[in-house]
Full PDB file with SEQRES, HELIX, SHEET, SSBOND, CRYST1, ORIGX, SCALE, CONECT and MASTER records, all heavy atoms in Angstrom:
SEQRES   1 A   39  PRO THR ASP ALA LEU LEU GLU GLU GLY HIS ARG LEU ARG          
SEQRES   2 A   39  ILE ASP VAL TYR ALA GLY SER VAL PRO ARG TYR LEU ALA          
SEQRES   3 A   39  THR LEU PRO ASP LEU ALA ARG THR ARG LEU GLY ARG GLN          
HELIX    1 AA1 LEU A   28  ARG A   33  1                                   6    
CRYST1    1.000    1.000    1.000  90.00  90.00  90.00 P 1           1          
ORIGX1      1.000000  0.000000  0.000000        0.00000                         
ORIGX2      0.000000  1.000000  0.000000        0.00000                         
ORIGX3      0.000000  0.000000  1.000000        0.00000                         
SCALE1      1.000000  0.000000  0.000000        0.00000                         
SCALE2      0.000000  1.000000  0.000000        0.00000                         
SCALE3      0.000000  0.000000  1.000000        0.00000                         
ATOM      1  N   PRO A   1     102.150 107.438 109.137  1.00  0.00           N  
ATOM      2  CA  PRO A   1     103.067 107.256 108.056  1.00  0.00           C  
ATOM      3  C   PRO A   1     104.015 106.106 108.390  1.00  0.00           C  
ATOM      4  O   PRO A   1     104.356 105.769 109.510  1.00  0.00           O  
ATOM      5  CB  PRO A   1     103.905 108.497 107.997  1.00  0.00           C  
ATOM      6  CG  PRO A   1     102.982 109.581 108.566  1.00  0.00           C  
ATOM      7  CD  PRO A   1     102.196 108.858 109.689  1.00  0.00           C  
ATOM      8  N   THR A   2     104.335 105.326 107.318  1.00  0.00           N  
ATOM      9  CA  THR A   2     105.299 104.333 107.553  1.00  0.00           C  
ATOM     10  C   THR A   2     106.236 104.019 106.310  1.00  0.00           C  
ATOM     11  O   THR A   2     106.081 104.725 105.411  1.00  0.00           O  
ATOM     12  CB  THR A   2     104.484 103.045 107.791  1.00  0.00           C  
ATOM     13  OG1 THR A   2     105.340 101.911 108.363  1.00  0.00           O  
ATOM     14  CG2 THR A   2     103.842 102.482 106.568  1.00  0.00           C  
ATOM     15  N   ASP A   3     107.144 103.110 106.404  1.00  0.00           N  
ATOM     16  CA  ASP A   3     108.049 102.825 105.358  1.00  0.00           C  
ATOM     17  C   ASP A   3     108.147 101.261 105.408  1.00  0.00           C  
ATOM     18  O   ASP A   3     108.513 100.626 106.473  1.00  0.00           O  
ATOM     19  CB  ASP A   3     109.418 103.468 105.587  1.00  0.00           C  
ATOM     20  CG  ASP A   3     110.343 103.236 104.334  1.00  0.00           C  
ATOM     21  OD1 ASP A   3     110.110 104.110 103.474  1.00  0.00           O  
ATOM     22  OD2 ASP A   3     111.148 102.387 104.364  1.00  0.00           O  
ATOM     23  N   ALA A   4     107.802 100.551 104.328  1.00  0.00           N  
ATOM     24  CA  ALA A   4     107.858  99.137 104.282  1.00  0.00           C  
ATOM     25  C   ALA A   4     108.218  98.548 102.941  1.00  0.00           C  
ATOM     26  O   ALA A   4     107.893  99.213 101.905  1.00  0.00           O  
ATOM     27  CB  ALA A   4     106.356  98.608 104.671  1.00  0.00           C  
ATOM     28  N   LEU A   5     108.755  97.387 102.903  1.00  0.00           N  
ATOM     29  CA  LEU A   5     108.993  96.647 101.647  1.00  0.00           C  
ATOM     30  C   LEU A   5     107.985  95.563 101.494  1.00  0.00           C  
ATOM     31  O   LEU A   5     107.852  94.684 102.393  1.00  0.00           O  
ATOM     32  CB  LEU A   5     110.513  96.105 101.738  1.00  0.00           C  
ATOM     33  CG  LEU A   5     110.845  95.218 100.542  1.00  0.00           C  
ATOM     34  CD1 LEU A   5     110.869  95.968  99.274  1.00  0.00           C  
ATOM     35  CD2 LEU A   5     112.220  94.543 100.820  1.00  0.00           C  
ATOM     36  N   LEU A   6     107.337  95.518 100.298  1.00  0.00           N  
ATOM     37  CA  LEU A   6     106.472  94.391 100.019  1.00  0.00           C  
ATOM     38  C   LEU A   6     107.314  93.554  99.007  1.00  0.00           C  
ATOM     39  O   LEU A   6     107.497  93.975  97.875  1.00  0.00           O  
ATOM     40  CB  LEU A   6     105.180  94.874  99.333  1.00  0.00           C  
ATOM     41  CG  LEU A   6     104.181  95.689 100.186  1.00  0.00           C  
ATOM     42  CD1 LEU A   6     102.967  96.071  99.335  1.00  0.00           C  
ATOM     43  CD2 LEU A   6     103.853  95.004 101.448  1.00  0.00           C  
ATOM     44  N   GLU A   7     107.701  92.444  99.501  1.00  0.00           N  
ATOM     45  CA  GLU A   7     108.524  91.559  98.623  1.00  0.00           C  
ATOM     46  C   GLU A   7     107.637  90.987  97.501  1.00  0.00           C  
ATOM     47  O   GLU A   7     106.386  90.990  97.562  1.00  0.00           O  
ATOM     48  CB  GLU A   7     109.054  90.398  99.450  1.00  0.00           C  
ATOM     49  CG  GLU A   7     110.152  90.831 100.379  1.00  0.00           C  
ATOM     50  CD  GLU A   7     111.484  91.006  99.808  1.00  0.00           C  
ATOM     51  OE1 GLU A   7     111.543  90.989  98.536  1.00  0.00           O  
ATOM     52  OE2 GLU A   7     112.476  91.090 100.501  1.00  0.00           O  
ATOM     53  N   GLU A   8     108.394  90.476  96.454  1.00  0.00           N  
ATOM     54  CA  GLU A   8     107.662  89.807  95.354  1.00  0.00           C  
ATOM     55  C   GLU A   8     106.704  88.770  95.876  1.00  0.00           C  
ATOM     56  O   GLU A   8     107.145  87.907  96.637  1.00  0.00           O  
ATOM     57  CB  GLU A   8     108.703  89.246  94.380  1.00  0.00           C  
ATOM     58  CG  GLU A   8     108.135  88.632  93.137  1.00  0.00           C  
ATOM     59  CD  GLU A   8     109.111  88.051  92.215  1.00  0.00           C  
ATOM     60  OE1 GLU A   8     110.228  88.616  92.245  1.00  0.00           O  
ATOM     61  OE2 GLU A   8     108.918  87.162  91.514  1.00  0.00           O  
ATOM     62  N   GLY A   9     105.543  88.724  95.410  1.00  0.00           N  
ATOM     63  CA  GLY A   9     104.494  87.823  95.848  1.00  0.00           C  
ATOM     64  C   GLY A   9     103.759  88.151  97.068  1.00  0.00           C  
ATOM     65  O   GLY A   9     102.778  87.435  97.429  1.00  0.00           O  
ATOM     66  N   HIS A  10     104.059  89.290  97.706  1.00  0.00           N  
ATOM     67  CA  HIS A  10     103.362  89.728  98.915  1.00  0.00           C  
ATOM     68  C   HIS A  10     102.176  90.584  98.447  1.00  0.00           C  
ATOM     69  O   HIS A  10     102.193  91.069  97.276  1.00  0.00           O  
ATOM     70  CB  HIS A  10     104.263  90.494  99.796  1.00  0.00           C  
ATOM     71  CG  HIS A  10     105.134  89.676 100.617  1.00  0.00           C  
ATOM     72  ND1 HIS A  10     105.282  89.707 101.978  1.00  0.00           N  
ATOM     73  CD2 HIS A  10     106.004  88.660 100.225  1.00  0.00           C  
ATOM     74  CE1 HIS A  10     106.171  88.994 102.430  1.00  0.00           C  
ATOM     75  NE2 HIS A  10     106.676  88.242 101.379  1.00  0.00           N  
ATOM     76  N   ARG A  11     101.177  90.795  99.304  1.00  0.00           N  
ATOM     77  CA  ARG A  11      99.975  91.527  98.992  1.00  0.00           C  
ATOM     78  C   ARG A  11      99.864  92.634 100.002  1.00  0.00           C  
ATOM     79  O   ARG A  11     100.232  92.613 101.122  1.00  0.00           O  
ATOM     80  CB  ARG A  11      98.703  90.640  99.025  1.00  0.00           C  
ATOM     81  CG  ARG A  11      98.813  89.542  98.079  1.00  0.00           C  
ATOM     82  CD  ARG A  11      97.645  88.537  98.485  1.00  0.00           C  
ATOM     83  NE  ARG A  11      97.696  87.334  97.632  1.00  0.00           N  
ATOM     84  CZ  ARG A  11      96.943  87.027  96.549  1.00  0.00           C  
ATOM     85  NH1 ARG A  11      96.004  87.962  96.170  1.00  0.00           N  
ATOM     86  NH2 ARG A  11      97.073  85.919  95.882  1.00  0.00           N  
ATOM     87  N   LEU A  12      99.181  93.694  99.558  1.00  0.00           N  
ATOM     88  CA  LEU A  12      98.739  94.885 100.502  1.00  0.00           C  
ATOM     89  C   LEU A  12      97.345  94.531 100.879  1.00  0.00           C  
ATOM     90  O   LEU A  12      96.473  94.268 100.090  1.00  0.00           O  
ATOM     91  CB  LEU A  12      98.918  96.195  99.764  1.00  0.00           C  
ATOM     92  CG  LEU A  12      98.608  97.377 100.579  1.00  0.00           C  
ATOM     93  CD1 LEU A  12      99.719  97.600 101.632  1.00  0.00           C  
ATOM     94  CD2 LEU A  12      98.518  98.627  99.760  1.00  0.00           C  
ATOM     95  N   ARG A  13      97.077  94.728 102.238  1.00  0.00           N  
ATOM     96  CA  ARG A  13      95.759  94.553 102.694  1.00  0.00           C  
ATOM     97  C   ARG A  13      95.295  95.725 103.571  1.00  0.00           C  
ATOM     98  O   ARG A  13      96.105  96.200 104.376  1.00  0.00           O  
ATOM     99  CB  ARG A  13      95.647  93.254 103.568  1.00  0.00           C  
ATOM    100  CG  ARG A  13      94.279  92.979 104.249  1.00  0.00           C  
ATOM    101  CD  ARG A  13      94.210  91.681 104.965  1.00  0.00           C  
ATOM    102  NE  ARG A  13      94.192  90.581 103.974  1.00  0.00           N  
ATOM    103  CZ  ARG A  13      94.490  89.310 104.366  1.00  0.00           C  
ATOM    104  NH1 ARG A  13      94.626  88.961 105.581  1.00  0.00           N  
ATOM    105  NH2 ARG A  13      94.410  88.391 103.405  1.00  0.00           N  
ATOM    106  N   ILE A  14      93.985  96.091 103.454  1.00  0.00           N  
ATOM    107  CA  ILE A  14      93.415  97.097 104.395  1.00  0.00           C  
ATOM    108  C   ILE A  14      92.302  96.343 105.169  1.00  0.00           C  
ATOM    109  O   ILE A  14      91.481  95.789 104.608  1.00  0.00           O  
ATOM    110  CB  ILE A  14      92.726  98.201 103.519  1.00  0.00           C  
ATOM    111  CG1 ILE A  14      93.729  98.868 102.594  1.00  0.00           C  
ATOM    112  CG2 ILE A  14      92.248  99.315 104.535  1.00  0.00           C  
ATOM    113  CD1 ILE A  14      94.956  99.465 103.151  1.00  0.00           C  
ATOM    114  N   ASP A  15      92.589  96.321 106.527  1.00  0.00           N  
ATOM    115  CA  ASP A  15      91.575  95.730 107.346  1.00  0.00           C  
ATOM    116  C   ASP A  15      90.717  96.925 108.035  1.00  0.00           C  
ATOM    117  O   ASP A  15      91.302  97.912 108.448  1.00  0.00           O  
ATOM    118  CB  ASP A  15      92.281  95.046 108.545  1.00  0.00           C  
ATOM    119  CG  ASP A  15      92.855  93.681 108.140  1.00  0.00           C  
ATOM    120  OD1 ASP A  15      92.358  93.141 107.036  1.00  0.00           O  
ATOM    121  OD2 ASP A  15      93.714  93.135 108.773  1.00  0.00           O  
ATOM    122  N   VAL A  16      89.430  96.673 107.926  1.00  0.00           N  
ATOM    123  CA  VAL A  16      88.491  97.664 108.515  1.00  0.00           C  
ATOM    124  C   VAL A  16      87.709  97.049 109.634  1.00  0.00           C  
ATOM    125  O   VAL A  16      87.162  95.992 109.485  1.00  0.00           O  
ATOM    126  CB  VAL A  16      87.534  98.210 107.363  1.00  0.00           C  
ATOM    127  CG1 VAL A  16      86.641  99.356 107.971  1.00  0.00           C  
ATOM    128  CG2 VAL A  16      88.227  98.730 106.228  1.00  0.00           C  
ATOM    129  N   TYR A  17      87.795  97.756 110.856  1.00  0.00           N  
ATOM    130  CA  TYR A  17      87.109  97.266 112.063  1.00  0.00           C  
ATOM    131  C   TYR A  17      86.151  98.205 112.556  1.00  0.00           C  
ATOM    132  O   TYR A  17      86.234  99.423 112.413  1.00  0.00           O  
ATOM    133  CB  TYR A  17      88.093  96.902 113.082  1.00  0.00           C  
ATOM    134  CG  TYR A  17      89.192  95.955 112.731  1.00  0.00           C  
ATOM    135  CD1 TYR A  17      90.434  96.351 112.298  1.00  0.00           C  
ATOM    136  CD2 TYR A  17      88.946  94.584 112.933  1.00  0.00           C  
ATOM    137  CE1 TYR A  17      91.423  95.472 111.945  1.00  0.00           C  
ATOM    138  CE2 TYR A  17      89.915  93.676 112.586  1.00  0.00           C  
ATOM    139  CZ  TYR A  17      91.208  94.135 112.101  1.00  0.00           C  
ATOM    140  OH  TYR A  17      92.114  93.180 111.799  1.00  0.00           O  
ATOM    141  N   ALA A  18      85.209  97.703 113.403  1.00  0.00           N  
ATOM    142  CA  ALA A  18      84.262  98.621 114.163  1.00  0.00           C  
ATOM    143  C   ALA A  18      84.968  98.776 115.526  1.00  0.00           C  
ATOM    144  O   ALA A  18      84.465  98.191 116.577  1.00  0.00           O  
ATOM    145  CB  ALA A  18      82.929  98.056 114.241  1.00  0.00           C  
ATOM    146  N   GLY A  19      86.047  99.464 115.607  1.00  0.00           N  
ATOM    147  CA  GLY A  19      86.829  99.692 116.906  1.00  0.00           C  
ATOM    148  C   GLY A  19      87.830  98.616 117.047  1.00  0.00           C  
ATOM    149  O   GLY A  19      87.941  97.680 116.348  1.00  0.00           O  
ATOM    150  N   SER A  20      88.642  98.944 118.081  1.00  0.00           N  
ATOM    151  CA  SER A  20      89.774  97.989 118.441  1.00  0.00           C  
ATOM    152  C   SER A  20      90.126  98.274 119.910  1.00  0.00           C  
ATOM    153  O   SER A  20      90.924  99.026 120.219  1.00  0.00           O  
ATOM    154  CB  SER A  20      91.018  98.206 117.591  1.00  0.00           C  
ATOM    155  OG  SER A  20      91.978  97.282 117.873  1.00  0.00           O  
ATOM    156  N   VAL A  21      89.438  97.533 120.792  1.00  0.00           N  
ATOM    157  CA  VAL A  21      89.689  97.634 122.276  1.00  0.00           C  
ATOM    158  C   VAL A  21      90.989  96.901 122.601  1.00  0.00           C  
ATOM    159  O   VAL A  21      91.175  95.778 122.144  1.00  0.00           O  
ATOM    160  CB  VAL A  21      88.502  97.019 122.966  1.00  0.00           C  
ATOM    161  CG1 VAL A  21      88.793  97.112 124.531  1.00  0.00           C  
ATOM    162  CG2 VAL A  21      87.210  97.865 122.666  1.00  0.00           C  
ATOM    163  N   PRO A  22      91.897  97.455 123.330  1.00  0.00           N  
ATOM    164  CA  PRO A  22      91.818  98.711 124.168  1.00  0.00           C  
ATOM    165  C   PRO A  22      92.590  99.929 123.542  1.00  0.00           C  
ATOM    166  O   PRO A  22      92.599 100.915 124.212  1.00  0.00           O  
ATOM    167  CB  PRO A  22      92.419  98.287 125.484  1.00  0.00           C  
ATOM    168  CG  PRO A  22      93.523  97.443 125.054  1.00  0.00           C  
ATOM    169  CD  PRO A  22      93.013  96.648 123.939  1.00  0.00           C  
ATOM    170  N   ARG A  23      93.103  99.715 122.359  1.00  0.00           N  
ATOM    171  CA  ARG A  23      93.910 100.718 121.784  1.00  0.00           C  
ATOM    172  C   ARG A  23      92.979 102.006 121.503  1.00  0.00           C  
ATOM    173  O   ARG A  23      93.366 103.136 121.693  1.00  0.00           O  
ATOM    174  CB  ARG A  23      94.561 100.335 120.492  1.00  0.00           C  
ATOM    175  CG  ARG A  23      95.376 101.440 119.825  1.00  0.00           C  
ATOM    176  CD  ARG A  23      96.114 101.041 118.552  1.00  0.00           C  
ATOM    177  NE  ARG A  23      96.815 102.140 117.964  1.00  0.00           N  
ATOM    178  CZ  ARG A  23      97.493 102.038 116.876  1.00  0.00           C  
ATOM    179  NH1 ARG A  23      97.532 100.888 116.194  1.00  0.00           N  
ATOM    180  NH2 ARG A  23      98.150 103.090 116.377  1.00  0.00           N  
ATOM    181  N   TYR A  24      91.752 101.673 121.045  1.00  0.00           N  
ATOM    182  CA  TYR A  24      90.787 102.846 120.746  1.00  0.00           C  
ATOM    183  C   TYR A  24      89.589 102.503 121.593  1.00  0.00           C  
ATOM    184  O   TYR A  24      88.866 101.519 121.235  1.00  0.00           O  
ATOM    185  CB  TYR A  24      90.470 102.849 119.195  1.00  0.00           C  
ATOM    186  CG  TYR A  24      91.696 103.025 118.307  1.00  0.00           C  
ATOM    187  CD1 TYR A  24      92.044 102.068 117.453  1.00  0.00           C  
ATOM    188  CD2 TYR A  24      92.407 104.246 118.361  1.00  0.00           C  
ATOM    189  CE1 TYR A  24      93.182 102.173 116.632  1.00  0.00           C  
ATOM    190  CE2 TYR A  24      93.463 104.350 117.521  1.00  0.00           C  
ATOM    191  CZ  TYR A  24      93.912 103.390 116.671  1.00  0.00           C  
ATOM    192  OH  TYR A  24      94.995 103.594 115.800  1.00  0.00           O  
ATOM    193  N   LEU A  25      89.384 103.328 122.513  1.00  0.00           N  
ATOM    194  CA  LEU A  25      88.127 103.316 123.331  1.00  0.00           C  
ATOM    195  C   LEU A  25      87.112 104.348 122.944  1.00  0.00           C  
ATOM    196  O   LEU A  25      87.417 105.229 122.218  1.00  0.00           O  
ATOM    197  CB  LEU A  25      88.484 103.410 124.803  1.00  0.00           C  
ATOM    198  CG  LEU A  25      89.538 102.421 125.280  1.00  0.00           C  
ATOM    199  CD1 LEU A  25      89.879 102.711 126.768  1.00  0.00           C  
ATOM    200  CD2 LEU A  25      89.062 101.007 125.246  1.00  0.00           C  
ATOM    201  N   ALA A  26      85.936 104.226 123.491  1.00  0.00           N  
ATOM    202  CA  ALA A  26      84.871 105.282 123.237  1.00  0.00           C  
ATOM    203  C   ALA A  26      84.370 105.683 124.602  1.00  0.00           C  
ATOM    204  O   ALA A  26      84.255 104.936 125.521  1.00  0.00           O  
ATOM    205  CB  ALA A  26      83.699 104.794 122.341  1.00  0.00           C  
ATOM    206  N   THR A  27      83.940 106.909 124.752  1.00  0.00           N  
ATOM    207  CA  THR A  27      83.247 107.370 125.866  1.00  0.00           C  
ATOM    208  C   THR A  27      81.930 106.550 126.022  1.00  0.00           C  
ATOM    209  O   THR A  27      81.428 106.135 124.965  1.00  0.00           O  
ATOM    210  CB  THR A  27      82.928 108.885 125.948  1.00  0.00           C  
ATOM    211  OG1 THR A  27      81.980 109.130 124.843  1.00  0.00           O  
ATOM    212  CG2 THR A  27      84.269 109.634 125.645  1.00  0.00           C  
ATOM    213  N   LEU A  28      81.439 106.432 127.225  1.00  0.00           N  
ATOM    214  CA  LEU A  28      80.263 105.690 127.360  1.00  0.00           C  
ATOM    215  C   LEU A  28      78.975 106.224 126.584  1.00  0.00           C  
ATOM    216  O   LEU A  28      78.253 105.499 125.938  1.00  0.00           O  
ATOM    217  CB  LEU A  28      79.805 105.605 128.873  1.00  0.00           C  
ATOM    218  CG  LEU A  28      80.895 104.862 129.793  1.00  0.00           C  
ATOM    219  CD1 LEU A  28      80.300 104.825 131.185  1.00  0.00           C  
ATOM    220  CD2 LEU A  28      81.051 103.440 129.152  1.00  0.00           C  
ATOM    221  N   PRO A  29      78.824 107.613 126.579  1.00  0.00           N  
ATOM    222  CA  PRO A  29      77.789 108.144 125.719  1.00  0.00           C  
ATOM    223  C   PRO A  29      77.939 107.900 124.157  1.00  0.00           C  
ATOM    224  O   PRO A  29      77.027 107.447 123.482  1.00  0.00           O  
ATOM    225  CB  PRO A  29      77.804 109.606 125.886  1.00  0.00           C  
ATOM    226  CG  PRO A  29      78.380 109.666 127.328  1.00  0.00           C  
ATOM    227  CD  PRO A  29      79.389 108.708 127.366  1.00  0.00           C  
ATOM    228  N   ASP A  30      79.215 107.838 123.741  1.00  0.00           N  
ATOM    229  CA  ASP A  30      79.483 107.600 122.321  1.00  0.00           C  
ATOM    230  C   ASP A  30      79.307 106.176 122.066  1.00  0.00           C  
ATOM    231  O   ASP A  30      78.748 105.769 120.989  1.00  0.00           O  
ATOM    232  CB  ASP A  30      80.890 107.967 121.968  1.00  0.00           C  
ATOM    233  CG  ASP A  30      81.097 109.412 121.721  1.00  0.00           C  
ATOM    234  OD1 ASP A  30      80.166 110.144 121.510  1.00  0.00           O  
ATOM    235  OD2 ASP A  30      82.228 109.910 121.813  1.00  0.00           O  
ATOM    236  N   LEU A  31      79.585 105.283 122.980  1.00  0.00           N  
ATOM    237  CA  LEU A  31      79.384 103.939 122.784  1.00  0.00           C  
ATOM    238  C   LEU A  31      77.973 103.512 122.663  1.00  0.00           C  
ATOM    239  O   LEU A  31      77.456 102.720 121.831  1.00  0.00           O  
ATOM    240  CB  LEU A  31      80.083 103.054 123.923  1.00  0.00           C  
ATOM    241  CG  LEU A  31      80.082 101.508 123.891  1.00  0.00           C  
ATOM    242  CD1 LEU A  31      80.844 101.028 122.556  1.00  0.00           C  
ATOM    243  CD2 LEU A  31      80.651 100.936 125.037  1.00  0.00           C  
ATOM    244  N   ALA A  32      77.175 104.163 123.562  1.00  0.00           N  
ATOM    245  CA  ALA A  32      75.768 103.945 123.533  1.00  0.00           C  
ATOM    246  C   ALA A  32      75.048 104.460 122.240  1.00  0.00           C  
ATOM    247  O   ALA A  32      74.211 103.769 121.719  1.00  0.00           O  
ATOM    248  CB  ALA A  32      75.090 104.714 124.773  1.00  0.00           C  
ATOM    249  N   ARG A  33      75.729 105.513 121.672  1.00  0.00           N  
ATOM    250  CA  ARG A  33      75.179 106.010 120.464  1.00  0.00           C  
ATOM    251  C   ARG A  33      75.268 105.074 119.286  1.00  0.00           C  
ATOM    252  O   ARG A  33      74.610 105.101 118.199  1.00  0.00           O  
ATOM    253  CB  ARG A  33      75.590 107.385 120.166  1.00  0.00           C  
ATOM    254  CG  ARG A  33      74.902 108.537 120.869  1.00  0.00           C  
ATOM    255  CD  ARG A  33      75.341 109.995 120.381  1.00  0.00           C  
ATOM    256  NE  ARG A  33      76.657 110.269 120.876  1.00  0.00           N  
ATOM    257  CZ  ARG A  33      76.854 111.020 121.987  1.00  0.00           C  
ATOM    258  NH1 ARG A  33      75.910 111.351 122.813  1.00  0.00           N  
ATOM    259  NH2 ARG A  33      78.147 111.236 122.411  1.00  0.00           N  
ATOM    260  N   THR A  34      76.415 104.203 119.426  1.00  0.00           N  
ATOM    261  CA  THR A  34      76.569 103.247 118.275  1.00  0.00           C  
ATOM    262  C   THR A  34      75.490 102.174 118.360  1.00  0.00           C  
ATOM    263  O   THR A  34      75.346 101.384 117.351  1.00  0.00           O  
ATOM    264  CB  THR A  34      77.920 102.558 118.448  1.00  0.00           C  
ATOM    265  OG1 THR A  34      77.944 101.706 119.639  1.00  0.00           O  
ATOM    266  CG2 THR A  34      79.090 103.646 118.571  1.00  0.00           C  
ATOM    267  N   ARG A  35      74.812 102.015 119.467  1.00  0.00           N  
ATOM    268  CA  ARG A  35      73.829 101.002 119.692  1.00  0.00           C  
ATOM    269  C   ARG A  35      74.425  99.573 119.531  1.00  0.00           C  
ATOM    270  O   ARG A  35      73.719  98.545 119.396  1.00  0.00           O  
ATOM    271  CB  ARG A  35      72.644 101.029 118.666  1.00  0.00           C  
ATOM    272  CG  ARG A  35      71.892 102.498 118.732  1.00  0.00           C  
ATOM    273  CD  ARG A  35      70.771 102.445 117.790  1.00  0.00           C  
ATOM    274  NE  ARG A  35      70.073 103.760 117.709  1.00  0.00           N  
ATOM    275  CZ  ARG A  35      69.123 104.058 116.890  1.00  0.00           C  
ATOM    276  NH1 ARG A  35      68.758 103.287 115.936  1.00  0.00           N  
ATOM    277  NH2 ARG A  35      68.653 105.342 116.956  1.00  0.00           N  
ATOM    278  N   LEU A  36      75.681  99.486 119.481  1.00  0.00           N  
ATOM    279  CA  LEU A  36      76.486  98.183 119.268  1.00  0.00           C  
ATOM    280  C   LEU A  36      75.968  97.577 117.973  1.00  0.00           C  
ATOM    281  O   LEU A  36      75.910  96.261 117.883  1.00  0.00           O  
ATOM    282  CB  LEU A  36      76.311  97.249 120.469  1.00  0.00           C  
ATOM    283  CG  LEU A  36      76.925  97.901 121.730  1.00  0.00           C  
ATOM    284  CD1 LEU A  36      76.754  96.799 122.906  1.00  0.00           C  
ATOM    285  CD2 LEU A  36      78.324  98.308 121.626  1.00  0.00           C  
ATOM    286  N   GLY A  37      75.548  98.373 117.089  1.00  0.00           N  
ATOM    287  CA  GLY A  37      74.862  97.867 115.874  1.00  0.00           C  
ATOM    288  C   GLY A  37      75.763  97.579 114.710  1.00  0.00           C  
ATOM    289  O   GLY A  37      77.038  97.820 114.792  1.00  0.00           O  
ATOM    290  N   ARG A  38      75.287  97.259 113.627  1.00  0.00           N  
ATOM    291  CA  ARG A  38      76.030  96.908 112.371  1.00  0.00           C  
ATOM    292  C   ARG A  38      76.650  98.192 111.766  1.00  0.00           C  
ATOM    293  O   ARG A  38      75.952  99.208 111.766  1.00  0.00           O  
ATOM    294  CB  ARG A  38      75.097  96.185 111.434  1.00  0.00           C  
ATOM    295  CG  ARG A  38      75.806  95.412 110.338  1.00  0.00           C  
ATOM    296  CD  ARG A  38      74.892  94.650 109.456  1.00  0.00           C  
ATOM    297  NE  ARG A  38      74.234  95.584 108.493  1.00  0.00           N  
ATOM    298  CZ  ARG A  38      73.388  95.213 107.492  1.00  0.00           C  
ATOM    299  NH1 ARG A  38      73.123  93.930 107.394  1.00  0.00           N  
ATOM    300  NH2 ARG A  38      72.848  96.029 106.649  1.00  0.00           N  
ATOM    301  N   GLN A  39      77.785  98.022 111.246  1.00  0.00           N  
ATOM    302  CA  GLN A  39      78.533  99.088 110.555  1.00  0.00           C  
ATOM    303  C   GLN A  39      78.796  98.511 109.173  1.00  0.00           C  
ATOM    304  O   GLN A  39      79.462  97.403 109.047  1.00  0.00           O  
ATOM    305  CB  GLN A  39      79.715  99.706 111.294  1.00  0.00           C  
ATOM    306  CG  GLN A  39      79.380 100.282 112.562  1.00  0.00           C  
ATOM    307  CD  GLN A  39      80.641 100.736 113.340  1.00  0.00           C  
ATOM    308  OE1 GLN A  39      80.573 101.122 114.509  1.00  0.00           O  
ATOM    309  NE2 GLN A  39      81.767 100.971 112.618  1.00  0.00           N  
TER     310      GLN A  39                                                      
MASTER        0    0    0    1    0    0    0    6  309    1    0    3          
END                                                                             
């Protein structure tokens, strides 16, 4: 949850990633199961 002001002329953006190292890591088996492939 957050609280923010979007000023006039600003835009809201949703960024989608396949992970974000090092904030979000995966166990080695989970990483292997991704096959480092396309999402």
